Amino acid sequence: MRNLSRNLARRVFAAWVFTAGLSIALVAQTKSPPKTLFFDSDGNQVSNNEFVDIRMANFHYPDRTIVKTLEDGTVEFRLQKIPQEGAQAPAFEVKTLDGKVVRTTDLKGKVLVLNFWFIGCPACIAMEPKLNAFKAKFGDRDDVVFVAMTADPAANVKKYLAKERFDFLQVTDAKDVMESFVFGGYPKNIVIDRYGKIVYWRSTIYAWEKFESVVRSALAIS
């Protein structure tokens, strides 16, 4: 009888150990992996796509992203500020490929969306269909102007545009104006608000919803 009780106790204990082990394994399987959070320089949480865009905005600058791991394993990335944002944009006067004159003095009260590109830039060319679709979202509004600038000569750009579609107003031979923005790398995408201030400065654009929200905010539309 005593042996039977001992065997029963061993079986109960073994069953308990098995059940406890199974429970631990299930918890381990369902436990969420450590979170990764992204923040801009002001401490606002941003999406992964926006994180990439901000980090690449000035890809020729040293990366000063701050990385911190919390006690629960969460990894936080805090980005450096984009220095161009908040600065006054340089004044300029240019003539578009179709003969229109665009002056910053005439743009007061309007939002300007700028793109810097050149014909031999694969990233620039790949972005053009998306920029066309982006511009189309704002229809024929006269308070937002979309301008693309390139240092390429007019003859080359005309030949290029005969085969490729790029719906922005085109400014060619624009090396001096573009250099006044003191930028590095192509493409460059800039939004200048109604008061001549730079409110968006990016190279890559993965977070298109952020790009759109900046323009809409500058236009004060929802």
N, C-alpha and C. Protein backbone atom coordinates (compact mmCIF):
# COMPACT_ATOMS: atom_id res chain seq x y z
N MET A 1 0.83 -1.21 0.00
CA MET A 1 0.00 0.00 0.00
C MET A 1 0.86 1.25 0.00
N ARG A 2 1.95 1.20 0.85
CA ARG A 2 2.84 2.36 0.91
C ARG A 2 3.54 2.58 -0.42
N ASN A 3 3.95 1.48 -1.10
CA ASN A 3 4.60 1.60 -2.42
C ASN A 3 3.65 2.20 -3.45
N LEU A 4 2.38 1.78 -3.36
CA LEU A 4 1.38 2.32 -4.27
C LEU A 4 1.21 3.81 -4.09
N SER A 5 1.20 4.25 -2.83
CA SER A 5 1.07 5.69 -2.54
C SER A 5 2.27 6.46 -3.07
N ARG A 6 3.46 5.84 -2.88
CA ARG A 6 4.66 6.51 -3.37
C ARG A 6 4.64 6.64 -4.90
N ASN A 7 4.23 5.57 -5.58
CA ASN A 7 4.16 5.61 -7.05
C ASN A 7 3.15 6.65 -7.53
N LEU A 8 2.04 6.70 -6.81
CA LEU A 8 1.01 7.69 -7.16
C LEU A 8 1.54 9.11 -6.96
N ALA A 9 2.26 9.31 -5.86
CA ALA A 9 2.83 10.63 -5.57
C ALA A 9 3.84 11.03 -6.63
N ARG A 10 4.66 10.01 -7.05
CA ARG A 10 5.66 10.30 -8.10
C ARG A 10 4.97 10.70 -9.40
N ARG A 11 3.89 9.98 -9.73
CA ARG A 11 3.16 10.30 -10.96
C ARG A 11 2.52 11.68 -10.92
N VAL A 12 1.95 12.00 -9.76
CA VAL A 12 1.35 13.34 -9.60
C VAL A 12 2.41 14.42 -9.73
N PHE A 13 3.56 14.19 -9.09
CA PHE A 13 4.64 15.17 -9.14
C PHE A 13 5.16 15.33 -10.57
N ALA A 14 5.32 14.18 -11.26
CA ALA A 14 5.81 14.22 -12.64
C ALA A 14 4.83 14.98 -13.54
N ALA A 15 3.53 14.73 -13.30
CA ALA A 15 2.51 15.43 -14.08
C ALA A 15 2.55 16.93 -13.82
N TRP A 16 2.79 17.28 -12.55
CA TRP A 16 2.87 18.71 -12.19
C TRP A 16 4.07 19.37 -12.85
N VAL A 17 5.21 18.66 -12.81
CA VAL A 17 6.42 19.20 -13.44
C VAL A 17 6.20 19.40 -14.94
N PHE A 18 5.56 18.40 -15.58
CA PHE A 18 5.31 18.49 -17.02
C PHE A 18 4.39 19.66 -17.34
N THR A 19 3.31 19.78 -16.53
CA THR A 19 2.35 20.87 -16.75
C THR A 19 3.00 22.23 -16.54
N ALA A 20 3.80 22.34 -15.49
CA ALA A 20 4.49 23.60 -15.21
C ALA A 20 5.45 23.96 -16.33
N GLY A 21 6.17 22.93 -16.81
CA GLY A 21 7.12 23.17 -17.91
C GLY A 21 6.41 23.59 -19.18
N LEU A 22 5.27 22.93 -19.44
CA LEU A 22 4.48 23.29 -20.62
C LEU A 22 3.98 24.72 -20.52
N SER A 23 3.54 25.13 -19.34
CA SER A 23 3.04 26.49 -19.14
C SER A 23 4.15 27.50 -19.37
N ILE A 24 5.34 27.21 -18.86
CA ILE A 24 6.48 28.13 -19.06
C ILE A 24 6.82 28.24 -20.54
N ALA A 25 6.80 27.09 -21.24
CA ALA A 25 7.10 27.09 -22.67
C ALA A 25 6.09 27.92 -23.45
N LEU A 26 4.79 27.77 -23.08
CA LEU A 26 3.75 28.53 -23.77
C LEU A 26 3.90 30.02 -23.54
N VAL A 27 4.24 30.40 -22.30
CA VAL A 27 4.47 31.81 -21.99
C VAL A 27 5.64 32.34 -22.79
N ALA A 28 6.70 31.51 -22.88
CA ALA A 28 7.89 31.94 -23.63
C ALA A 28 7.55 32.14 -25.10
N GLN A 29 6.66 31.25 -25.63
CA GLN A 29 6.30 31.36 -27.04
C GLN A 29 5.42 32.58 -27.33
N THR A 30 4.56 32.92 -26.37
CA THR A 30 3.63 34.02 -26.61
C THR A 30 4.19 35.37 -26.17
N LYS A 31 5.33 35.36 -25.49
CA LYS A 31 5.91 36.62 -25.03
C LYS A 31 6.31 37.48 -26.23
N SER A 32 5.91 38.72 -26.24
CA SER A 32 6.22 39.61 -27.36
C SER A 32 7.71 39.95 -27.39
N PRO A 33 8.28 40.05 -28.58
CA PRO A 33 9.69 40.46 -28.66
C PRO A 33 9.83 41.91 -28.21
N PRO A 34 11.03 42.33 -27.84
CA PRO A 34 11.24 43.71 -27.40
C PRO A 34 10.76 44.71 -28.45
N LYS A 35 10.13 45.79 -28.02
CA LYS A 35 9.63 46.81 -28.93
C LYS A 35 10.76 47.72 -29.39
N THR A 36 10.60 48.28 -30.57
CA THR A 36 11.51 49.30 -31.06
C THR A 36 10.69 50.55 -31.33
N LEU A 37 11.06 51.65 -30.70
CA LEU A 37 10.33 52.90 -30.83
C LEU A 37 11.23 53.97 -31.44
N PHE A 38 10.63 54.83 -32.26
CA PHE A 38 11.37 55.88 -32.94
C PHE A 38 10.81 57.24 -32.55
N PHE A 39 11.71 58.19 -32.26
CA PHE A 39 11.30 59.53 -31.86
C PHE A 39 12.10 60.57 -32.64
N ASP A 40 11.44 61.71 -32.93
CA ASP A 40 12.17 62.80 -33.56
C ASP A 40 12.92 63.58 -32.48
N SER A 41 13.56 64.67 -32.88
CA SER A 41 14.40 65.42 -31.94
C SER A 41 13.58 66.10 -30.85
N ASP A 42 12.27 66.27 -31.08
CA ASP A 42 11.40 66.89 -30.07
C ASP A 42 10.73 65.86 -29.15
N GLY A 43 11.05 64.59 -29.37
CA GLY A 43 10.47 63.54 -28.53
C GLY A 43 9.14 63.02 -29.02
N ASN A 44 8.71 63.42 -30.23
CA ASN A 44 7.47 62.90 -30.79
C ASN A 44 7.72 61.53 -31.44
N GLN A 45 6.86 60.57 -31.15
CA GLN A 45 7.03 59.25 -31.75
C GLN A 45 6.70 59.31 -33.23
N VAL A 46 7.55 58.69 -34.05
CA VAL A 46 7.36 58.70 -35.50
C VAL A 46 7.36 57.26 -36.01
N SER A 47 6.88 57.08 -37.23
CA SER A 47 6.83 55.75 -37.84
C SER A 47 8.23 55.33 -38.28
N ASN A 48 8.36 54.05 -38.57
CA ASN A 48 9.63 53.53 -39.07
C ASN A 48 10.02 54.23 -40.37
N ASN A 49 9.04 54.42 -41.27
CA ASN A 49 9.32 55.09 -42.54
C ASN A 49 9.78 56.52 -42.34
N GLU A 50 9.12 57.22 -41.42
CA GLU A 50 9.51 58.60 -41.16
C GLU A 50 10.89 58.66 -40.52
N PHE A 51 11.17 57.68 -39.66
CA PHE A 51 12.50 57.59 -39.05
C PHE A 51 13.58 57.51 -40.11
N VAL A 52 13.35 56.65 -41.12
CA VAL A 52 14.33 56.50 -42.20
C VAL A 52 14.48 57.80 -42.96
N ASP A 53 13.36 58.46 -43.28
CA ASP A 53 13.42 59.71 -44.04
C ASP A 53 14.18 60.80 -43.29
N ILE A 54 13.92 60.92 -41.99
CA ILE A 54 14.60 61.95 -41.20
C ILE A 54 16.10 61.63 -41.11
N ARG A 55 16.39 60.37 -40.89
CA ARG A 55 17.79 59.96 -40.74
C ARG A 55 18.57 60.19 -42.03
N MET A 56 17.88 60.06 -43.18
CA MET A 56 18.54 60.22 -44.48
C MET A 56 18.40 61.63 -45.05
N ALA A 57 17.77 62.53 -44.31
CA ALA A 57 17.53 63.88 -44.83
C ALA A 57 18.83 64.58 -45.21
N ASN A 58 19.85 64.38 -44.40
CA ASN A 58 21.20 64.90 -44.69
C ASN A 58 22.18 63.74 -44.53
N PHE A 59 22.14 62.82 -45.50
CA PHE A 59 22.91 61.59 -45.33
C PHE A 59 24.41 61.81 -45.37
N HIS A 60 24.85 63.01 -45.74
CA HIS A 60 26.29 63.31 -45.73
C HIS A 60 26.74 63.84 -44.37
N TYR A 61 25.79 64.06 -43.44
CA TYR A 61 26.13 64.49 -42.08
C TYR A 61 26.47 63.28 -41.22
N PRO A 62 27.33 63.45 -40.19
CA PRO A 62 27.55 62.35 -39.23
C PRO A 62 26.25 62.00 -38.52
N ASP A 63 26.01 60.70 -38.34
CA ASP A 63 24.78 60.25 -37.69
C ASP A 63 24.90 60.43 -36.18
N ARG A 64 23.98 61.20 -35.58
CA ARG A 64 24.00 61.43 -34.14
C ARG A 64 22.73 60.89 -33.47
N THR A 65 22.19 59.82 -34.04
CA THR A 65 21.02 59.18 -33.44
C THR A 65 21.39 58.62 -32.07
N ILE A 66 20.57 58.89 -31.07
CA ILE A 66 20.79 58.36 -29.72
C ILE A 66 19.97 57.08 -29.56
N VAL A 67 20.62 56.00 -29.15
CA VAL A 67 19.95 54.71 -28.97
C VAL A 67 19.97 54.34 -27.48
N LYS A 68 18.81 54.00 -26.94
CA LYS A 68 18.70 53.66 -25.53
C LYS A 68 17.87 52.39 -25.37
N THR A 69 18.35 51.44 -24.54
CA THR A 69 17.61 50.22 -24.25
C THR A 69 17.04 50.30 -22.84
N LEU A 70 15.71 50.16 -22.72
CA LEU A 70 15.04 50.24 -21.44
C LEU A 70 15.08 48.90 -20.70
N GLU A 71 14.66 48.91 -19.45
CA GLU A 71 14.71 47.71 -18.62
C GLU A 71 13.90 46.55 -19.19
N ASP A 72 12.79 46.86 -19.85
CA ASP A 72 11.96 45.79 -20.41
C ASP A 72 12.43 45.32 -21.78
N GLY A 73 13.59 45.83 -22.22
CA GLY A 73 14.13 45.44 -23.52
C GLY A 73 13.75 46.34 -24.67
N THR A 74 12.84 47.28 -24.43
CA THR A 74 12.44 48.22 -25.47
C THR A 74 13.64 49.04 -25.92
N VAL A 75 13.80 49.16 -27.23
CA VAL A 75 14.90 49.96 -27.79
C VAL A 75 14.33 51.26 -28.35
N GLU A 76 14.84 52.38 -27.88
CA GLU A 76 14.39 53.69 -28.33
C GLU A 76 15.46 54.37 -29.17
N PHE A 77 15.03 54.92 -30.30
CA PHE A 77 15.92 55.69 -31.16
C PHE A 77 15.46 57.14 -31.13
N ARG A 78 16.36 58.04 -30.80
CA ARG A 78 16.04 59.48 -30.77
C ARG A 78 16.90 60.17 -31.82
N LEU A 79 16.24 60.80 -32.80
CA LEU A 79 16.93 61.40 -33.94
C LEU A 79 17.42 62.82 -33.66
N GLN A 80 18.44 63.19 -34.39
CA GLN A 80 18.91 64.57 -34.32
C GLN A 80 17.99 65.48 -35.12
N LYS A 81 18.04 66.74 -34.83
CA LYS A 81 17.20 67.72 -35.52
C LYS A 81 17.71 67.94 -36.95
N ILE A 82 16.76 68.14 -37.87
CA ILE A 82 17.14 68.54 -39.23
C ILE A 82 17.38 70.04 -39.20
N PRO A 83 18.63 70.49 -39.33
CA PRO A 83 18.93 71.91 -39.10
C PRO A 83 18.27 72.88 -40.06
N GLN A 84 17.96 72.41 -41.28
CA GLN A 84 17.36 73.31 -42.27
C GLN A 84 15.91 73.67 -41.92
N GLU A 85 15.22 72.78 -41.22
CA GLU A 85 13.82 73.03 -40.92
C GLU A 85 13.68 74.13 -39.88
N GLY A 86 12.87 75.11 -40.21
CA GLY A 86 12.71 76.29 -39.35
C GLY A 86 13.51 77.48 -39.85
N ALA A 87 14.43 77.23 -40.78
CA ALA A 87 15.25 78.32 -41.34
C ALA A 87 14.52 79.01 -42.48
N GLN A 88 14.88 80.25 -42.71
CA GLN A 88 14.31 81.00 -43.84
C GLN A 88 14.93 80.51 -45.14
N ALA A 89 14.13 80.26 -46.13
CA ALA A 89 14.64 79.79 -47.42
C ALA A 89 15.31 80.94 -48.16
N PRO A 90 16.36 80.65 -48.93
CA PRO A 90 17.01 81.71 -49.71
C PRO A 90 16.07 82.27 -50.78
N ALA A 91 16.20 83.55 -51.04
CA ALA A 91 15.39 84.19 -52.09
C ALA A 91 15.96 83.82 -53.46
N PHE A 92 15.07 83.72 -54.45
CA PHE A 92 15.54 83.41 -55.79
C PHE A 92 14.53 83.90 -56.82
N GLU A 93 15.00 83.97 -58.05
CA GLU A 93 14.15 84.27 -59.21
C GLU A 93 14.60 83.35 -60.33
N VAL A 94 13.69 82.56 -60.87
CA VAL A 94 14.04 81.61 -61.93
C VAL A 94 13.00 81.67 -63.04
N LYS A 95 13.38 81.12 -64.19
CA LYS A 95 12.45 81.02 -65.31
C LYS A 95 12.23 79.54 -65.61
N THR A 96 10.98 79.14 -65.73
CA THR A 96 10.66 77.75 -66.01
C THR A 96 10.90 77.43 -67.48
N LEU A 97 10.87 76.13 -67.76
CA LEU A 97 11.12 75.67 -69.12
C LEU A 97 10.10 76.22 -70.11
N ASP A 98 8.89 76.51 -69.63
CA ASP A 98 7.86 77.07 -70.53
C ASP A 98 7.78 78.60 -70.45
N GLY A 99 8.82 79.22 -69.86
CA GLY A 99 8.94 80.67 -69.91
C GLY A 99 8.33 81.44 -68.76
N LYS A 100 7.75 80.77 -67.76
CA LYS A 100 7.18 81.48 -66.61
C LYS A 100 8.28 81.90 -65.64
N VAL A 101 8.13 83.05 -65.05
CA VAL A 101 9.08 83.53 -64.04
C VAL A 101 8.53 83.20 -62.66
N VAL A 102 9.36 82.58 -61.85
CA VAL A 102 8.98 82.24 -60.47
C VAL A 102 9.92 82.99 -59.53
N ARG A 103 9.34 83.90 -58.73
CA ARG A 103 10.12 84.67 -57.75
C ARG A 103 9.60 84.39 -56.35
N THR A 104 10.51 84.35 -55.41
CA THR A 104 10.08 84.13 -54.03
C THR A 104 9.19 85.28 -53.55
N THR A 105 9.43 86.46 -54.06
CA THR A 105 8.59 87.60 -53.64
C THR A 105 7.15 87.43 -54.10
N ASP A 106 6.97 86.73 -55.23
CA ASP A 106 5.61 86.48 -55.74
C ASP A 106 4.95 85.29 -55.05
N LEU A 107 5.75 84.53 -54.31
CA LEU A 107 5.23 83.32 -53.67
C LEU A 107 4.75 83.54 -52.24
N LYS A 108 4.86 84.77 -51.77
CA LYS A 108 4.39 85.06 -50.41
C LYS A 108 2.90 84.75 -50.31
N GLY A 109 2.54 84.02 -49.28
CA GLY A 109 1.16 83.59 -49.13
C GLY A 109 0.87 82.26 -49.80
N LYS A 110 1.88 81.71 -50.50
CA LYS A 110 1.72 80.40 -51.15
C LYS A 110 2.70 79.41 -50.56
N VAL A 111 2.40 78.13 -50.72
CA VAL A 111 3.30 77.06 -50.28
C VAL A 111 4.07 76.56 -51.50
N LEU A 112 5.37 76.39 -51.34
CA LEU A 112 6.22 75.94 -52.44
C LEU A 112 6.76 74.55 -52.13
N VAL A 113 6.53 73.62 -53.05
CA VAL A 113 7.10 72.27 -52.95
C VAL A 113 8.21 72.18 -53.99
N LEU A 114 9.44 71.99 -53.52
CA LEU A 114 10.62 71.98 -54.38
C LEU A 114 11.21 70.59 -54.48
N ASN A 115 11.67 70.23 -55.68
CA ASN A 115 12.41 69.00 -55.88
C ASN A 115 13.67 69.31 -56.66
N PHE A 116 14.83 68.84 -56.16
CA PHE A 116 16.09 68.98 -56.87
C PHE A 116 16.44 67.61 -57.47
N TRP A 117 16.78 67.59 -58.74
CA TRP A 117 17.05 66.34 -59.43
C TRP A 117 18.03 66.56 -60.57
N PHE A 118 18.46 65.46 -61.20
CA PHE A 118 19.19 65.57 -62.46
C PHE A 118 18.94 64.30 -63.27
N ILE A 119 19.16 64.38 -64.56
CA ILE A 119 18.77 63.32 -65.49
C ILE A 119 19.46 61.99 -65.18
N GLY A 120 20.70 62.01 -64.75
CA GLY A 120 21.43 60.76 -64.50
C GLY A 120 21.27 60.20 -63.11
N CYS A 121 20.25 60.64 -62.37
CA CYS A 121 20.05 60.22 -60.98
C CYS A 121 18.95 59.15 -60.92
N PRO A 122 19.30 57.86 -60.72
CA PRO A 122 18.29 56.80 -60.70
C PRO A 122 17.23 57.01 -59.61
N ALA A 123 17.66 57.45 -58.41
CA ALA A 123 16.71 57.66 -57.32
C ALA A 123 15.73 58.78 -57.65
N CYS A 124 16.23 59.81 -58.33
CA CYS A 124 15.36 60.94 -58.74
C CYS A 124 14.30 60.45 -59.73
N ILE A 125 14.75 59.70 -60.71
CA ILE A 125 13.85 59.24 -61.76
C ILE A 125 12.80 58.27 -61.20
N ALA A 126 13.23 57.40 -60.28
CA ALA A 126 12.29 56.45 -59.67
C ALA A 126 11.22 57.16 -58.86
N MET A 127 11.53 58.34 -58.33
CA MET A 127 10.59 59.08 -57.49
C MET A 127 9.57 59.87 -58.30
N GLU A 128 9.85 60.16 -59.55
CA GLU A 128 9.02 61.07 -60.33
C GLU A 128 7.54 60.64 -60.45
N PRO A 129 7.23 59.36 -60.73
CA PRO A 129 5.81 58.98 -60.79
C PRO A 129 5.08 59.22 -59.47
N LYS A 130 5.76 58.99 -58.35
CA LYS A 130 5.15 59.23 -57.04
C LYS A 130 4.96 60.72 -56.79
N LEU A 131 5.90 61.53 -57.25
CA LEU A 131 5.75 62.98 -57.11
C LEU A 131 4.60 63.48 -57.98
N ASN A 132 4.42 62.89 -59.16
CA ASN A 132 3.29 63.26 -60.01
C ASN A 132 1.97 62.96 -59.31
N ALA A 133 1.89 61.76 -58.71
CA ALA A 133 0.66 61.37 -57.99
C ALA A 133 0.45 62.25 -56.77
N PHE A 134 1.54 62.63 -56.12
CA PHE A 134 1.45 63.50 -54.95
C PHE A 134 0.90 64.87 -55.34
N LYS A 135 1.43 65.44 -56.41
CA LYS A 135 0.95 66.75 -56.89
C LYS A 135 -0.53 66.69 -57.25
N ALA A 136 -0.95 65.57 -57.84
CA ALA A 136 -2.34 65.43 -58.27
C ALA A 136 -3.31 65.50 -57.10
N LYS A 137 -2.86 65.16 -55.90
CA LYS A 137 -3.72 65.20 -54.72
C LYS A 137 -4.19 66.61 -54.40
N PHE A 138 -3.45 67.60 -54.88
CA PHE A 138 -3.78 68.99 -54.57
C PHE A 138 -4.47 69.69 -55.74
N GLY A 139 -4.79 68.92 -56.78
CA GLY A 139 -5.58 69.43 -57.89
C GLY A 139 -4.99 70.68 -58.51
N ASP A 140 -5.86 71.63 -58.79
CA ASP A 140 -5.44 72.88 -59.44
C ASP A 140 -5.39 74.04 -58.46
N ARG A 141 -5.13 73.76 -57.21
CA ARG A 141 -5.04 74.84 -56.22
C ARG A 141 -3.98 75.85 -56.65
N ASP A 142 -4.30 77.15 -56.48
CA ASP A 142 -3.33 78.17 -56.87
C ASP A 142 -2.50 78.67 -55.70
N ASP A 143 -2.69 78.06 -54.51
CA ASP A 143 -1.90 78.50 -53.35
C ASP A 143 -0.80 77.51 -52.99
N VAL A 144 -0.55 76.54 -53.86
CA VAL A 144 0.59 75.64 -53.71
C VAL A 144 1.24 75.46 -55.07
N VAL A 145 2.56 75.63 -55.12
CA VAL A 145 3.30 75.60 -56.38
C VAL A 145 4.34 74.48 -56.30
N PHE A 146 4.39 73.66 -57.35
CA PHE A 146 5.31 72.53 -57.40
C PHE A 146 6.39 72.82 -58.44
N VAL A 147 7.63 72.91 -58.00
CA VAL A 147 8.74 73.28 -58.88
C VAL A 147 9.87 72.26 -58.76
N ALA A 148 10.38 71.81 -59.90
CA ALA A 148 11.54 70.92 -59.94
C ALA A 148 12.71 71.69 -60.56
N MET A 149 13.85 71.64 -59.91
CA MET A 149 15.04 72.33 -60.40
C MET A 149 16.16 71.34 -60.70
N THR A 150 16.87 71.61 -61.78
CA THR A 150 18.02 70.79 -62.15
C THR A 150 19.10 71.68 -62.76
N ALA A 151 20.34 71.24 -62.61
CA ALA A 151 21.46 71.97 -63.23
C ALA A 151 21.62 71.57 -64.69
N ASP A 152 20.88 70.57 -65.13
CA ASP A 152 20.97 70.13 -66.52
C ASP A 152 20.50 71.23 -67.46
N PRO A 153 21.10 71.32 -68.65
CA PRO A 153 20.68 72.35 -69.62
C PRO A 153 19.30 72.09 -70.19
N ALA A 154 18.67 73.15 -70.64
CA ALA A 154 17.29 73.09 -71.13
C ALA A 154 17.11 72.08 -72.25
N ALA A 155 18.05 72.03 -73.20
CA ALA A 155 17.92 71.13 -74.35
C ALA A 155 17.85 69.67 -73.90
N ASN A 156 18.69 69.31 -72.93
CA ASN A 156 18.70 67.93 -72.43
C ASN A 156 17.42 67.58 -71.69
N VAL A 157 16.92 68.54 -70.91
CA VAL A 157 15.71 68.30 -70.14
C VAL A 157 14.50 68.18 -71.06
N LYS A 158 14.44 69.02 -72.10
CA LYS A 158 13.34 68.92 -73.07
C LYS A 158 13.33 67.55 -73.74
N LYS A 159 14.51 67.06 -74.09
CA LYS A 159 14.61 65.74 -74.72
C LYS A 159 14.16 64.65 -73.74
N TYR A 160 14.55 64.79 -72.48
CA TYR A 160 14.17 63.82 -71.45
C TYR A 160 12.64 63.83 -71.25
N LEU A 161 12.07 65.03 -71.13
CA LEU A 161 10.64 65.16 -70.85
C LEU A 161 9.77 64.78 -72.05
N ALA A 162 10.37 64.67 -73.22
CA ALA A 162 9.62 64.19 -74.38
C ALA A 162 9.29 62.71 -74.24
N LYS A 163 10.06 62.02 -73.37
CA LYS A 163 9.84 60.58 -73.16
C LYS A 163 9.32 60.27 -71.77
N GLU A 164 9.68 61.11 -70.81
CA GLU A 164 9.32 60.85 -69.41
C GLU A 164 8.40 61.97 -68.90
N ARG A 165 7.46 61.59 -68.04
CA ARG A 165 6.50 62.56 -67.49
C ARG A 165 6.96 63.03 -66.12
N PHE A 166 7.00 64.34 -65.95
CA PHE A 166 7.30 64.94 -64.64
C PHE A 166 6.49 66.22 -64.57
N ASP A 167 5.43 66.21 -63.74
CA ASP A 167 4.39 67.23 -63.78
C ASP A 167 4.71 68.54 -63.04
N PHE A 168 5.86 68.62 -62.39
CA PHE A 168 6.24 69.87 -61.72
C PHE A 168 6.64 70.91 -62.77
N LEU A 169 6.55 72.19 -62.41
CA LEU A 169 7.16 73.23 -63.24
C LEU A 169 8.66 72.96 -63.28
N GLN A 170 9.25 72.99 -64.47
CA GLN A 170 10.65 72.60 -64.62
C GLN A 170 11.56 73.84 -64.78
N VAL A 171 12.58 73.88 -63.94
CA VAL A 171 13.59 74.95 -64.02
C VAL A 171 14.93 74.30 -64.34
N THR A 172 15.53 74.69 -65.44
CA THR A 172 16.81 74.10 -65.86
C THR A 172 17.95 75.09 -65.62
N ASP A 173 19.19 74.62 -65.80
CA ASP A 173 20.38 75.46 -65.63
C ASP A 173 20.34 76.20 -64.29
N ALA A 174 19.88 75.49 -63.26
CA ALA A 174 19.59 76.14 -61.97
C ALA A 174 20.67 75.91 -60.91
N LYS A 175 21.88 75.64 -61.33
CA LYS A 175 22.96 75.30 -60.39
C LYS A 175 23.13 76.34 -59.29
N ASP A 176 23.18 77.62 -59.66
CA ASP A 176 23.43 78.67 -58.67
C ASP A 176 22.31 78.75 -57.63
N VAL A 177 21.07 78.69 -58.10
CA VAL A 177 19.93 78.76 -57.17
C VAL A 177 19.93 77.55 -56.24
N MET A 178 20.15 76.39 -56.79
CA MET A 178 20.16 75.17 -55.98
C MET A 178 21.28 75.21 -54.94
N GLU A 179 22.44 75.69 -55.33
CA GLU A 179 23.57 75.75 -54.39
C GLU A 179 23.32 76.74 -53.26
N SER A 180 22.44 77.70 -53.48
CA SER A 180 22.12 78.66 -52.41
C SER A 180 21.41 77.98 -51.24
N PHE A 181 20.85 76.79 -51.48
CA PHE A 181 20.20 76.02 -50.42
C PHE A 181 21.21 75.18 -49.62
N VAL A 182 22.45 75.13 -50.09
CA VAL A 182 23.53 74.40 -49.40
C VAL A 182 23.07 72.99 -49.03
N PHE A 183 22.80 72.19 -50.03
CA PHE A 183 22.33 70.83 -49.80
C PHE A 183 23.38 69.83 -50.28
N GLY A 184 23.23 68.59 -49.85
CA GLY A 184 24.12 67.53 -50.31
C GLY A 184 23.32 66.34 -50.77
N GLY A 185 23.62 65.85 -51.96
CA GLY A 185 22.97 64.64 -52.45
C GLY A 185 21.63 64.87 -53.11
N TYR A 186 21.32 63.96 -54.03
CA TYR A 186 20.05 63.99 -54.76
C TYR A 186 19.28 62.70 -54.50
N PRO A 187 17.96 62.75 -54.63
CA PRO A 187 17.11 63.94 -54.79
C PRO A 187 17.01 64.71 -53.48
N LYS A 188 16.47 65.90 -53.56
CA LYS A 188 16.16 66.69 -52.37
C LYS A 188 14.72 67.18 -52.51
N ASN A 189 13.96 67.06 -51.44
CA ASN A 189 12.55 67.47 -51.44
C ASN A 189 12.33 68.45 -50.29
N ILE A 190 11.82 69.62 -50.64
CA ILE A 190 11.72 70.73 -49.68
C ILE A 190 10.32 71.32 -49.75
N VAL A 191 9.78 71.67 -48.59
CA VAL A 191 8.51 72.42 -48.55
C VAL A 191 8.79 73.74 -47.85
N ILE A 192 8.38 74.82 -48.49
CA ILE A 192 8.55 76.18 -47.95
C ILE A 192 7.15 76.74 -47.70
N ASP A 193 6.91 77.20 -46.49
CA ASP A 193 5.55 77.64 -46.14
C ASP A 193 5.22 79.03 -46.67
N ARG A 194 4.05 79.53 -46.32
CA ARG A 194 3.56 80.81 -46.85
C ARG A 194 4.43 81.99 -46.44
N TYR A 195 5.26 81.79 -45.42
CA TYR A 195 6.09 82.89 -44.90
C TYR A 195 7.56 82.75 -45.29
N GLY A 196 7.84 81.80 -46.19
CA GLY A 196 9.20 81.63 -46.68
C GLY A 196 10.09 80.77 -45.79
N LYS A 197 9.47 80.04 -44.86
CA LYS A 197 10.25 79.20 -43.95
C LYS A 197 10.26 77.74 -44.44
N ILE A 198 11.42 77.10 -44.32
CA ILE A 198 11.53 75.69 -44.68
C ILE A 198 10.88 74.85 -43.58
N VAL A 199 9.86 74.07 -43.94
CA VAL A 199 9.16 73.25 -42.95
C VAL A 199 9.33 71.75 -43.22
N TYR A 200 9.98 71.41 -44.32
CA TYR A 200 10.19 69.99 -44.65
C TYR A 200 11.44 69.90 -45.50
N TRP A 201 12.35 68.99 -45.11
CA TRP A 201 13.62 68.84 -45.82
C TRP A 201 13.97 67.35 -45.83
N ARG A 202 13.83 66.69 -46.98
CA ARG A 202 14.07 65.26 -47.06
C ARG A 202 14.82 64.90 -48.34
N SER A 203 15.46 63.77 -48.30
CA SER A 203 16.06 63.17 -49.50
C SER A 203 15.15 62.03 -49.94
N THR A 204 15.19 60.90 -49.22
CA THR A 204 14.25 59.82 -49.50
C THR A 204 12.87 60.21 -49.00
N ILE A 205 11.85 59.62 -49.60
CA ILE A 205 10.48 59.75 -49.08
C ILE A 205 9.86 58.36 -49.03
N TYR A 206 9.78 57.81 -47.84
CA TYR A 206 9.04 56.57 -47.60
C TYR A 206 7.73 56.90 -46.89
N ALA A 207 7.77 57.92 -46.03
CA ALA A 207 6.56 58.32 -45.30
C ALA A 207 5.83 59.40 -46.10
N TRP A 208 5.13 58.98 -47.16
CA TRP A 208 4.42 59.93 -48.02
C TRP A 208 3.27 60.60 -47.28
N GLU A 209 2.70 59.89 -46.32
CA GLU A 209 1.61 60.49 -45.55
C GLU A 209 2.12 61.67 -44.72
N LYS A 210 3.36 61.61 -44.27
CA LYS A 210 3.96 62.73 -43.53
C LYS A 210 4.20 63.91 -44.46
N PHE A 211 4.72 63.62 -45.64
CA PHE A 211 4.94 64.66 -46.65
C PHE A 211 3.63 65.40 -46.94
N GLU A 212 2.57 64.62 -47.14
CA GLU A 212 1.27 65.22 -47.44
C GLU A 212 0.75 66.04 -46.25
N SER A 213 0.92 65.52 -45.05
CA SER A 213 0.41 66.24 -43.88
C SER A 213 1.13 67.56 -43.67
N VAL A 214 2.42 67.62 -44.02
CA VAL A 214 3.18 68.87 -43.90
C VAL A 214 2.63 69.90 -44.88
N VAL A 215 2.40 69.50 -46.12
CA VAL A 215 1.87 70.44 -47.13
C VAL A 215 0.47 70.90 -46.72
N ARG A 216 -0.36 69.97 -46.29
CA ARG A 216 -1.73 70.34 -45.90
C ARG A 216 -1.72 71.26 -44.68
N SER A 217 -0.83 71.01 -43.75
CA SER A 217 -0.71 71.86 -42.59
C SER A 217 -0.25 73.26 -42.98
N ALA A 218 0.70 73.33 -43.90
CA ALA A 218 1.18 74.63 -44.38
C ALA A 218 0.08 75.39 -45.11
N LEU A 219 -0.81 74.65 -45.75
CA LEU A 219 -1.96 75.26 -46.45
C LEU A 219 -3.13 75.49 -45.50
N ALA A 220 -3.00 74.93 -44.28
CA ALA A 220 -4.06 75.01 -43.27
C ALA A 220 -5.34 74.35 -43.76
N ILE A 221 -5.19 73.15 -44.36
CA ILE A 221 -6.36 72.37 -44.78
C ILE A 221 -6.24 70.99 -44.14
N SER A 222 -7.38 70.33 -43.94
CA SER A 222 -7.37 69.00 -43.31
C SER A 222 -7.40 67.93 -44.38
